[in-house]
Protein backbone atom coordinates (compact mmCIF):
# COMPACT_ATOMS: atom_id res chain seq x y z
CA MET A 1 0.00 0.00 0.00
CA LYS A 2 1.32 3.44 -0.96
CA LEU A 3 1.60 5.93 1.86
CA THR A 4 -0.22 9.16 0.98
CA GLU A 5 0.14 12.50 2.73
CA GLY A 6 -3.43 12.28 4.08
CA LEU A 7 -2.94 8.78 5.43
CA ILE A 8 0.33 9.75 7.13
CA GLN A 9 -1.19 12.97 8.51
CA TYR A 10 -4.20 11.17 10.01
CA ASN A 11 -2.10 8.41 11.61
CA LEU A 12 0.52 10.91 12.83
CA MET A 13 -2.17 12.83 14.74
CA ARG A 14 -3.34 9.55 16.30
CA TRP A 15 0.24 8.67 17.28
CA LEU A 16 0.96 12.10 18.78
CA ARG A 17 -2.26 12.27 20.81
CA SER A 18 -0.62 10.69 23.85
CA ASN A 19 -1.00 14.08 25.53
CA ASN A 20 -4.66 15.03 25.26
CA GLN A 21 -3.92 18.67 26.00
CA ASP A 22 -2.01 19.16 22.75
CA VAL A 23 -3.85 20.85 19.87
CA PHE A 24 -3.32 19.72 16.26
CA VAL A 25 -4.02 21.89 13.23
CA PRO A 26 -3.64 20.27 9.81
CA ASN A 27 -2.69 22.43 6.83
CA TYR A 28 -2.09 25.63 8.78
CA PHE A 29 -0.37 28.65 7.25
CA ILE A 30 2.39 30.49 9.10
CA GLY A 31 3.04 33.51 6.96
CA SER A 32 3.29 32.38 3.35
CA PHE A 33 4.31 28.80 4.18
CA GLU A 34 1.90 25.96 4.94
CA CYS A 35 2.46 23.41 7.72
CA ASP A 36 1.19 19.93 6.93
CA LEU A 37 0.57 19.48 10.65
CA LEU A 38 1.07 22.03 13.41
CA ARG A 39 1.10 20.92 17.03
CA LEU A 40 0.57 23.27 19.95
CA THR A 41 1.94 21.48 23.00
CA SER A 42 0.58 21.80 26.53
CA SER A 43 3.70 23.85 27.35
CA ASP A 44 2.76 26.44 24.65
CA LEU A 45 5.40 25.44 22.11
CA LEU A 46 4.81 24.97 18.37
CA VAL A 47 6.04 21.86 16.58
CA GLU A 48 5.76 21.61 12.80
CA TYR A 49 5.54 18.29 10.96
CA GLU A 50 6.27 18.46 7.23
CA ILE A 51 5.08 15.31 5.42
CA LYS A 52 6.92 14.26 2.26
CA THR A 53 6.03 11.20 0.19
CA SER A 54 8.60 11.53 -2.60
CA ARG A 55 12.22 12.59 -2.93
CA SER A 56 11.30 15.31 -5.44
CA ASP A 57 8.76 16.77 -2.99
CA PHE A 58 11.45 16.77 -0.29
CA LYS A 59 13.99 18.50 -2.56
CA ASN A 60 11.43 21.11 -3.68
CA ASP A 61 10.94 22.11 -0.03
CA PHE A 62 14.44 23.65 -0.09
CA LYS A 63 13.46 25.97 -2.95
CA LYS A 64 10.65 27.68 -1.03
CA ALA A 65 11.60 31.26 -0.30
CA ARG A 66 9.95 34.37 1.05
CA ARG A 67 10.28 37.77 -0.54
CA SER A 68 10.84 40.87 1.52
CA TRP A 69 8.10 43.35 0.66
CA ARG A 70 10.41 46.24 1.47
CA ASP A 71 12.91 45.67 -1.29
CA GLY A 72 11.37 42.83 -3.34
CA VAL A 73 14.47 40.65 -2.95
CA VAL A 74 14.46 37.03 -1.79
CA ILE A 75 15.97 37.26 1.67
CA GLU A 76 15.43 33.92 3.39
CA THR A 77 14.24 30.40 2.73
CA LYS A 78 11.66 28.62 4.83
CA HIS A 79 14.50 26.69 6.49
CA ASP A 80 16.29 29.93 7.44
CA PHE A 81 13.17 31.14 9.23
CA ILE A 82 12.92 27.88 11.14
CA SER A 83 16.63 27.78 12.03
CA ILE A 84 16.59 31.23 13.63
CA GLY A 85 13.44 30.47 15.64
CA LYS A 86 11.07 32.83 13.81
CA ARG A 87 8.56 30.15 12.82
CA VAL A 88 8.23 27.23 15.24
CA ASN A 89 10.02 25.80 18.26
CA ARG A 90 10.74 22.41 16.69
CA PHE A 91 10.54 21.00 13.14
CA TYR A 92 10.26 17.42 11.87
CA TYR A 93 10.16 15.88 8.42
CA VAL A 94 7.86 12.84 8.34
CA VAL A 95 8.57 10.49 5.43
CA PRO A 96 8.02 6.86 4.43
CA GLU A 97 10.76 4.71 5.90
CA GLY A 98 14.04 5.01 3.96
CA LEU A 99 12.87 7.80 1.62
CA ILE A 100 15.62 10.09 2.90
CA THR A 101 18.50 9.62 5.31
CA PRO A 102 19.12 11.62 8.49
CA ASP A 103 22.17 13.34 6.95
CA GLU A 104 19.95 14.81 4.19
CA VAL A 105 17.91 16.71 6.78
CA PRO A 106 19.16 20.23 7.65
CA ALA A 107 21.08 20.66 10.91
CA GLY A 108 18.78 20.81 13.91
CA PHE A 109 15.76 19.49 12.02
CA GLY A 110 14.18 16.20 13.08
CA LEU A 111 13.23 13.15 11.04
CA ILE A 112 10.41 10.66 11.66
CA TYR A 113 9.95 7.53 9.60
CA ALA A 114 6.45 6.31 8.78
CA GLU A 115 6.89 2.55 8.72
CA ASN A 116 5.10 0.26 6.28
CA PRO A 117 1.38 0.12 7.12
CA ARG A 118 -0.42 -2.92 8.43
CA GLU A 119 -3.96 -3.74 7.35
CA MET A 120 -6.47 -3.71 10.18
CA ASP A 121 -10.10 -4.73 10.49
CA PRO A 122 -11.72 -4.26 7.04
CA LYS A 123 -15.13 -3.36 8.53
CA TYR A 124 -13.85 0.17 9.24
CA GLY A 125 -13.50 2.91 6.66
CA TYR A 126 -10.49 3.80 4.50
CA LYS A 127 -8.52 5.82 7.02
CA PHE A 128 -9.35 3.51 9.90
CA ASN A 129 -8.27 0.24 8.32
CA VAL A 130 -4.57 1.14 8.14
CA LEU A 131 -2.18 1.46 11.05
CA ILE A 132 1.12 3.22 10.48
CA LYS A 133 3.86 3.06 13.08
CA PHE A 134 6.22 5.99 13.48
CA ARG A 135 9.83 6.04 14.61
CA ILE A 136 11.85 9.13 15.49
CA VAL A 137 15.13 8.73 13.62
CA LYS A 138 16.57 12.16 14.41
CA MET A 139 15.40 14.49 17.18
CA SER A 140 14.71 18.12 16.38
CA LYS A 141 16.57 20.70 18.37
CA LEU A 142 14.68 23.39 20.24
CA PHE A 143 15.15 26.44 17.99
CA THR A 144 13.61 28.88 20.46
CA ARG A 145 12.15 28.71 23.96
CA GLU A 146 9.71 31.51 23.18
CA LYS A 147 6.17 30.48 24.04
CA LEU A 148 3.13 31.15 21.93
CA ALA A 149 1.67 34.65 22.29
CA GLU A 150 -2.04 35.22 22.92
CA LYS A 151 -2.46 36.79 19.47
CA LYS A 152 -1.25 33.56 17.86
CA TYR A 153 -3.66 31.50 20.01
CA ARG A 154 -6.52 33.58 18.65
CA HIS A 155 -5.32 33.08 15.07
CA ILE A 156 -5.12 29.30 15.54
CA ALA A 157 -8.61 29.27 17.13
CA GLN A 158 -10.01 31.26 14.19
CA ASN A 159 -8.36 28.87 11.75
CA LEU A 160 -9.84 25.83 13.51
CA CYS A 161 -13.31 27.42 13.54
CA MET A 162 -13.08 28.11 9.81
CA LYS A 163 -12.00 24.50 9.15
CA LEU A 164 -14.94 23.25 11.22
CA GLU A 165 -17.41 25.47 9.35
CA ASN A 166 -16.02 24.33 5.99
CA GLN A 167 -16.26 20.69 7.06
CA LYS A 168 -19.89 21.20 8.12
CA ARG A 169 -20.68 22.66 4.71
CA ILE A 170 -19.03 19.68 3.01
CA THR A 171 -20.77 17.19 5.30
CA TYR A 172 -24.25 18.69 5.08
CA GLY A 173 -23.64 19.74 1.51
CA ALA A 174 -25.55 21.96 -0.81
CA LYS A 175 -28.85 20.24 0.07
CA ASN A 176 -29.31 22.41 3.15
CA ASP A 177 -28.28 25.54 1.26
CA ILE A 178 -30.80 24.77 -1.49
CA ARG A 179 -33.56 24.06 1.06
CA PHE A 180 -32.81 27.35 2.79
CA LEU A 181 -32.93 29.27 -0.51
CA ARG A 182 -36.20 27.58 -1.55
CA ASN A 183 -37.79 28.49 1.77
CA GLN A 184 -36.65 32.08 1.40
CA LEU A 185 -38.01 32.30 -2.14
CA GLN A 186 -41.38 30.84 -1.14
CA LYS A 187 -41.91 33.48 1.53
């Protein structure tokens, strides 16, 4: 079975939930860069998990840069921001086992292997019938001890509320929107 980003992301959240006070936000933007999974720990630190399923995807991550709006010149890459503690407290790449080696990961960055999945009980749905084990191959260093500011908490809360609202719209679909519009038109 091929490991997809969604399958790894779902199982990674299950694996990391050992501390129920941690908050997980999938596909969260910090500035112009997206985190595949952002974790807010109970000690108010941010940990980013970047999921890569191919070598080319991993190599392309090093090309991501941010432009300074003051002079329009590329000043820093995503990795530079992380290394100087301006983005998150810790950073991990999460990849299928053996996709990359620990020496390919930038200094201070962590590496977690997603081991080959095992099939589980087929009576459950797609994401529930696969169990992926994870192994920390290289620990991430603590780039900064700075704790999350209240303003950032509010931003994360807003993001989670928007994701919940979008999911409700997907779940309940256009049927409810159409019923609402019909009722309004009939009045």
